[in-house]
C-alpha cells in the first residue's frame, strides 16, 4: 500500500522493517531461481488451455505448461489495471491519505480527496501497464500460478518467490522477472516526477515502491490461499479475475481462477 508521508514523518523502525522485508523478498526469489538456471525442462504439448499446472516442490521445475493466449493476457491486464480492485485500493488509500493529510499541499475536502484518489489510481495503472508491457517485450508470463505443493509454509514460500518470478518460453521455465521488479517503482517514480509536490524525490518514490512490492506479494498470497472458484462469492460477483492464471491447480480443485479461458 502506498504511503505519501515524507521520509522524516515515518518512524525509523518502520523504515528498517520495510527495507528488511523487501530485501528478504528479493533474496528469497534469487535463491529460488539460482538452482533452476541451466536446467532443462520437458515441454508438454499444447492442449488449448490458457494456463499451466505447476509443480512447485523444492528443486523441481514445472513439468506441464501452456502459455496463456493473448486474449487472456489482455483481459487480465484490463482487469488488473482498471478493474474494481485498483479502484477500491485507490479509494481506500485516498481515504487514509486524506485522514493523515498527506501530502498537505493537496488540502482537504472533495477536491483533496479526488486528487489523492487520482494519484493513487494513476500509480497503480502505470505500474500495471509497465509490468504487462515489459513482460510482453521480454516474452515473459507474469501471471500467478498456484502451487501444487502441500502445506502452509511451502505454499507461502511459493507465493512470495513468485512475486519476482516469471515463466518464459513454450516450456514455461522460470526466470527472474525484471518486469515484476520494475513495475512497483514505475508508478511511484511517475507520480513523484509527474504530479507530486516538488519536495518529493527519488527516495520517496523508492520508499513508496517498496510498499507496492510488498502489496503485490500480499496479492499473490491471497491468490494462493483464498478460494475463488465457481461457487465462491468472488466468482458470483465477477471479481475473481486478477493477475492469476486461469488454471488454479490441485490446491483449489474445480475452481475457475481468474481470467477467461480463451
Protein backbone atom coordinates (compact mmCIF):
# COMPACT_ATOMS: atom_id res chain seq x y z
CA UNK A 1 0.00 0.00 0.00
CA UNK A 2 1.28 3.43 -0.86
CA UNK A 3 2.02 5.95 1.87
CA UNK A 4 2.56 9.56 0.93
CA UNK A 5 4.13 10.87 4.16
CA UNK A 6 7.59 12.28 3.81
CA UNK A 7 10.56 10.29 4.99
CA UNK A 8 11.10 12.26 8.17
CA UNK A 9 7.46 11.68 9.19
CA UNK A 10 7.82 7.88 9.29
CA UNK A 11 9.36 6.30 12.41
CA UNK A 12 12.82 4.87 11.82
CA UNK A 13 11.86 1.34 12.98
CA UNK A 14 9.29 1.15 10.17
CA UNK A 15 11.96 2.19 7.67
CA UNK A 16 14.18 -0.62 8.97
CA UNK A 17 11.35 -3.15 8.81
CA UNK A 18 10.39 -2.06 5.31
CA UNK A 19 13.91 -2.39 3.99
CA UNK A 20 14.43 -5.74 5.72
CA UNK A 21 11.26 -7.31 4.34
CA UNK A 22 11.91 -6.01 0.83
CA UNK A 23 15.48 -7.34 0.85
CA UNK A 24 14.28 -10.71 2.15
CA UNK A 25 11.77 -10.93 -0.69
CA UNK A 26 14.49 -10.21 -3.24
CA UNK A 27 16.87 -12.73 -1.70
CA UNK A 28 14.19 -15.41 -1.49
CA UNK A 29 13.42 -15.02 -5.17
CA UNK A 30 17.09 -15.06 -6.17
CA UNK A 31 17.84 -18.15 -4.04
CA UNK A 32 14.90 -19.97 -5.57
CA UNK A 33 15.92 -19.06 -9.11
CA UNK A 34 19.62 -19.93 -8.94
CA UNK A 35 19.19 -23.71 -8.76
CA UNK A 36 16.85 -23.55 -11.74
CA UNK A 37 19.21 -21.79 -14.12
CA UNK A 38 20.79 -24.05 -16.70
CA UNK A 39 18.39 -26.92 -16.01
CA UNK A 40 16.37 -28.33 -18.85
CA UNK A 41 12.64 -28.80 -18.82
CA UNK A 42 10.47 -31.06 -20.95
CA UNK A 43 7.90 -29.08 -22.88
CA UNK A 44 4.38 -30.50 -22.91
CA UNK A 45 2.07 -30.49 -25.93
CA UNK A 46 -0.25 -27.53 -26.26
CA UNK A 47 -3.73 -28.51 -25.12
CA UNK A 48 -5.64 -25.32 -25.80
CA UNK A 49 -5.99 -24.06 -22.25
CA UNK A 50 -4.65 -20.61 -21.30
CA UNK A 51 -2.90 -21.58 -18.10
CA UNK A 52 -0.47 -24.09 -16.71
CA UNK A 53 -0.27 -26.65 -13.97
CA UNK A 54 2.78 -26.01 -11.81
CA UNK A 55 4.92 -28.33 -9.79
CA UNK A 56 6.43 -26.26 -7.01
CA UNK A 57 8.05 -28.80 -4.73
CA UNK A 58 11.59 -27.88 -3.79
CA UNK A 59 14.08 -28.27 -6.60
CA UNK A 60 11.55 -29.02 -9.32
CA UNK A 61 10.52 -27.10 -12.39
CA UNK A 62 7.07 -27.08 -13.91
CA UNK A 63 6.52 -30.26 -15.88
CA UNK A 64 3.42 -29.06 -17.69
CA UNK A 65 2.95 -25.59 -19.07
CA UNK A 66 0.72 -24.00 -21.67
CA UNK A 67 1.38 -20.38 -22.48
CA UNK A 68 -1.66 -18.12 -21.95
CA UNK A 69 -3.31 -16.66 -25.02
CA UNK A 70 -3.07 -13.01 -25.96
CA UNK A 71 -6.73 -12.57 -25.10
CA UNK A 72 -6.11 -13.94 -21.61
CA UNK A 73 -3.24 -11.51 -21.13
CA UNK A 74 -5.21 -8.52 -22.39
CA UNK A 75 -8.24 -9.37 -20.27
CA UNK A 76 -6.05 -9.79 -17.19
CA UNK A 77 -4.29 -6.51 -17.89
CA UNK A 78 -7.53 -4.56 -18.24
CA UNK A 79 -8.95 -6.06 -15.07
CA UNK A 80 -5.68 -5.69 -13.15
CA UNK A 81 -5.19 -2.06 -14.20
CA UNK A 82 -8.72 -0.64 -14.42
CA UNK A 83 -10.97 -3.16 -12.68
CA UNK A 84 -12.68 -3.00 -9.29
CA UNK A 85 -9.60 -3.95 -7.28
CA UNK A 86 -7.39 -0.99 -8.28
CA UNK A 87 -10.40 1.31 -7.95
CA UNK A 88 -11.13 0.06 -4.43
CA UNK A 89 -7.45 0.16 -3.47
CA UNK A 90 -7.09 3.72 -4.72
CA UNK A 91 -10.24 4.75 -2.84
CA UNK A 92 -9.04 3.24 0.45
CA UNK A 93 -5.54 4.69 0.06
CA UNK A 94 -7.01 8.10 -0.72
CA UNK A 95 -9.10 7.90 2.44
CA UNK A 96 -6.02 7.12 4.52
CA UNK A 97 -4.07 9.92 2.86
CA UNK A 98 -6.99 12.28 3.42
CA UNK A 99 -7.10 11.36 7.12
CA UNK A 100 -3.34 11.89 7.52
CA UNK A 101 -3.43 14.97 5.24
CA UNK A 102 -0.68 13.57 3.05
CA UNK A 103 0.60 15.39 1.20
CA UNK A 104 -0.64 18.53 2.96
CA UNK A 105 -0.27 20.60 -0.23
CA UNK A 106 -3.40 18.89 -1.57
CA UNK A 107 -5.60 20.18 1.26
CA UNK A 108 -8.86 18.58 2.38
CA UNK A 109 -12.42 18.32 1.13
CA UNK A 110 -13.72 16.69 -2.02
CA UNK A 111 -11.06 18.34 -4.16
CA UNK A 112 -8.28 16.99 -1.97
CA UNK A 113 -9.76 13.50 -1.87
CA UNK A 114 -10.26 13.48 -5.64
CA UNK A 115 -6.67 14.48 -6.19
CA UNK A 116 -5.40 11.76 -3.85
CA UNK A 117 -7.67 9.17 -5.44
CA UNK A 118 -6.49 10.11 -8.92
CA UNK A 119 -2.87 9.95 -7.79
CA UNK A 120 -3.22 6.52 -6.21
CA UNK A 121 -5.14 5.13 -9.16
CA UNK A 122 -2.60 6.58 -11.56
CA UNK A 123 0.26 4.95 -9.68
CA UNK A 124 -1.45 1.57 -9.84
CA UNK A 125 -2.35 1.93 -13.52
CA UNK A 126 1.17 2.99 -14.53
CA UNK A 127 2.75 0.17 -12.54
CA UNK A 128 0.44 -2.47 -14.01
CA UNK A 129 0.95 -1.11 -17.52
CA UNK A 130 4.72 -1.23 -17.05
CA UNK A 131 4.52 -4.82 -15.82
CA UNK A 132 2.48 -6.10 -18.75
CA UNK A 133 4.32 -4.01 -21.36
CA UNK A 134 7.77 -5.14 -20.25
CA UNK A 135 6.56 -8.72 -19.93
CA UNK A 136 5.25 -8.64 -23.49
CA UNK A 137 8.54 -7.18 -24.76
CA UNK A 138 10.57 -9.87 -22.97
CA UNK A 139 8.04 -12.60 -23.77
CA UNK A 140 7.57 -13.25 -20.06
CA UNK A 141 4.46 -14.70 -18.48
CA UNK A 142 3.97 -12.86 -15.19
CA UNK A 143 0.62 -14.38 -14.26
CA UNK A 144 0.44 -16.13 -10.91
CA UNK A 145 0.35 -19.94 -10.87
CA UNK A 146 -0.80 -21.66 -7.73
CA UNK A 147 1.47 -24.19 -6.12
CA UNK A 148 0.91 -27.92 -6.47
CA UNK A 149 2.80 -28.45 -3.26
CA UNK A 150 1.03 -29.06 0.05
CA UNK A 151 1.40 -27.41 3.42
CA UNK A 152 1.11 -23.82 4.52
CA UNK A 153 4.80 -22.94 4.54
CA UNK A 154 5.72 -24.42 1.14
CA UNK A 155 2.73 -22.66 -0.41
CA UNK A 156 3.63 -19.41 1.36
CA UNK A 157 7.18 -19.67 0.05
CA UNK A 158 5.86 -20.30 -3.44
CA UNK A 159 3.62 -17.21 -3.25
CA UNK A 160 6.43 -14.96 -2.03
CA UNK A 161 9.01 -16.26 -4.51
CA UNK A 162 6.52 -15.91 -7.36
CA UNK A 163 6.47 -12.16 -6.71
CA UNK A 164 9.73 -11.88 -8.65
CA UNK A 165 9.49 -14.87 -10.98
CA UNK A 166 8.06 -15.20 -14.47
CA UNK A 167 7.62 -18.03 -16.94
CA UNK A 168 9.36 -17.83 -20.29
CA UNK A 169 9.25 -19.81 -23.48
CA UNK A 170 6.91 -22.57 -24.56
CA UNK A 171 8.20 -24.79 -21.76
CA UNK A 172 7.46 -22.15 -19.13
CA UNK A 173 10.85 -22.30 -17.45
CA UNK A 174 11.21 -19.92 -14.54
CA UNK A 175 13.32 -16.78 -14.80
CA UNK A 176 13.89 -13.72 -12.68
CA UNK A 177 11.13 -11.28 -13.55
CA UNK A 178 12.55 -7.88 -14.43
CA UNK A 179 9.04 -6.51 -15.18
CA UNK A 180 7.83 -7.58 -11.73
CA UNK A 181 10.77 -5.83 -10.09
CA UNK A 182 10.44 -2.60 -12.07
CA UNK A 183 6.65 -2.25 -12.06
CA UNK A 184 6.15 -1.31 -8.37
CA UNK A 185 8.59 1.59 -8.77
CA UNK A 186 7.48 2.73 -12.23
CA UNK A 187 4.21 4.10 -10.91
CA UNK A 188 5.71 5.87 -7.91
CA UNK A 189 8.53 7.38 -9.95
CA UNK A 190 5.98 8.66 -12.45
CA UNK A 191 3.92 10.18 -9.64
CA UNK A 192 6.85 11.82 -7.89
CA UNK A 193 8.17 13.47 -11.05
CA UNK A 194 4.79 13.93 -12.67
CA UNK A 195 2.29 15.35 -10.17
CA UNK A 196 3.63 15.18 -6.61
CA UNK A 197 4.84 18.36 -4.87
CA UNK A 198 8.38 19.35 -5.76
CA UNK A 199 9.77 18.42 -2.35
CA UNK A 200 9.32 14.72 -3.18
CA UNK A 201 12.21 12.93 -4.85
CA UNK A 202 13.62 9.57 -5.86
CA UNK A 203 13.98 8.37 -2.26
CA UNK A 204 10.27 8.92 -1.68
CA UNK A 205 9.43 7.11 -4.91
CA UNK A 206 11.63 4.18 -3.92
CA UNK A 207 10.05 4.01 -0.47
CA UNK A 208 6.52 4.01 -1.88
CA UNK A 209 7.57 1.45 -4.47
CA UNK A 210 8.68 -0.85 -1.66
CA UNK A 211 5.15 -0.75 -0.27
CA UNK A 212 3.78 -1.58 -3.70
CA UNK A 213 6.13 -4.56 -3.99
CA UNK A 214 5.00 -5.85 -0.59
CA UNK A 215 1.37 -5.33 -1.57
CA UNK A 216 1.92 -7.37 -4.74
CA UNK A 217 3.41 -10.17 -2.66
CA UNK A 218 0.35 -10.00 -0.43
CA UNK A 219 -1.84 -10.30 -3.51
CA UNK A 220 -0.01 -13.47 -4.51
CA UNK A 221 -0.60 -14.92 -1.05
CA UNK A 222 -4.29 -14.15 -1.40
CA UNK A 223 -4.38 -15.84 -4.81
CA UNK A 224 -2.65 -18.89 -3.36
CA UNK A 225 -4.85 -19.40 -0.32
CA UNK A 226 -8.22 -17.75 -0.97
CA UNK A 227 -10.75 -19.87 -2.77
CA UNK A 228 -12.20 -18.14 -5.82
CA UNK A 229 -13.89 -20.98 -7.64
CA UNK A 230 -17.25 -21.08 -9.40
CA UNK A 231 -19.22 -21.22 -6.14
CA UNK A 232 -17.28 -18.54 -4.28
CA UNK A 233 -18.61 -15.08 -3.51
CA UNK A 234 -15.87 -13.52 -5.65
CA UNK A 235 -16.90 -15.59 -8.64
CA UNK A 236 -20.56 -14.72 -8.21
CA UNK A 237 -19.63 -11.04 -8.10
CA UNK A 238 -17.31 -11.47 -11.14
CA UNK A 239 -14.35 -10.33 -9.04
CA UNK A 240 -12.08 -13.37 -9.35
CA UNK A 241 -10.11 -12.13 -12.37
CA UNK A 242 -6.77 -10.77 -11.16
CA UNK A 243 -3.17 -11.38 -12.17
CA UNK A 244 -3.56 -15.09 -11.51
CA UNK A 245 -3.55 -17.72 -14.21
CA UNK A 246 -6.91 -19.29 -15.07
CA UNK A 247 -5.91 -22.81 -14.00
CA UNK A 248 -5.98 -22.94 -10.18
CA UNK A 249 -4.09 -26.18 -9.69
CA UNK A 250 -4.97 -29.04 -7.33
CA UNK A 251 -5.00 -26.90 -4.19
CA UNK A 252 -8.29 -25.46 -5.44
CA UNK A 253 -9.64 -28.35 -7.43
CA UNK A 254 -12.62 -27.43 -9.54
CA UNK A 255 -12.24 -23.70 -9.08
CA UNK A 256 -12.22 -21.29 -12.01
CA UNK A 257 -9.37 -18.98 -11.32
CA UNK A 258 -9.10 -15.57 -12.81
CA UNK A 259 -9.39 -14.79 -16.46
CA UNK A 260 -11.32 -16.21 -19.34
CA UNK A 261 -10.17 -19.43 -20.90
CA UNK A 262 -9.78 -18.01 -24.36
